[in-house]
């Protein structure tokens, strides 16, 4: 190799290798401190785009899970209120059967009627106050189906529809077709077995209607629970895939860091030596 002053090839080679080692060292440091092997689009353009897309999907799935959970809470709230209504109506039935026995005087019948009236009023109070997020659920004001957004997209597969029938009016007048006072007088004022049987049948039909509504609520609840489970599985799978694509292997990066550090130190030492090479030419003068 020629000995030159103007061009120091050895120094240039050492500088290039020092720059490469420094770049590798910085990249290893970045990956270990962030925990990601893809920090910029330049690290892996396709992988960066895929990772961003998956991150967006995970965020949307979190929202979908919250939506489904709110739907589940809504159904639970409604079911609990129907359970209370059913308890009061069952007690009204017991009192009606008791009044039909024919062994009670007017004072006893008035007492029975008083409790029946109180129970019926409580049913109306419950149905008037049952609400979720400001939406009354038992007074018939929800006359359109409610769509729960439990998926990533706009199609039907990403929705669960809660039919408006779930939110039908459940006050006494709607259930019996008569106001509270009339229902209470018929329940506590039975005069013969035929009337008693007829009234008990009416109460049984109302209780059965409440039971049917609760069953429908349970079916909707099962669908929502299934959606929540499905969202969890989908989120877990995407998270696992994202980790494989993006997360740094710290053991591997530690090895790369040490390797780059050694190469950097070696290149710096050799660069110092190479920079002294042109001075050898002075010995020839």
Foldseek 3Di string as FASTA:
>chain_A
DDQDDPDQVLLVVLVVLLVVLVVLLVLLVVQLVVQWNDDDCVSPVVLVVVLVVLVVQLVLLVVLLVLLVLVLVLLVLLLVLLVLLLVLLVVLLVLLVVLQPPPDDPVVLVVSLVSNLVSLVVNQVSQVPRDGPPHRQAQLPQQAWDWGQNHDDDDPVRTDIHGSVLRYHLHPCVLQVDDSVVLSCQSSVDDDDVSSVVNSVSSVVSSVVSVVSSVVSVVSSVVSVVSSVVSVVVSVVSVVVSCVSIGDDSVVSVVSNVVSVVSNVVSVVSSVVSVCSSVVVVVVD
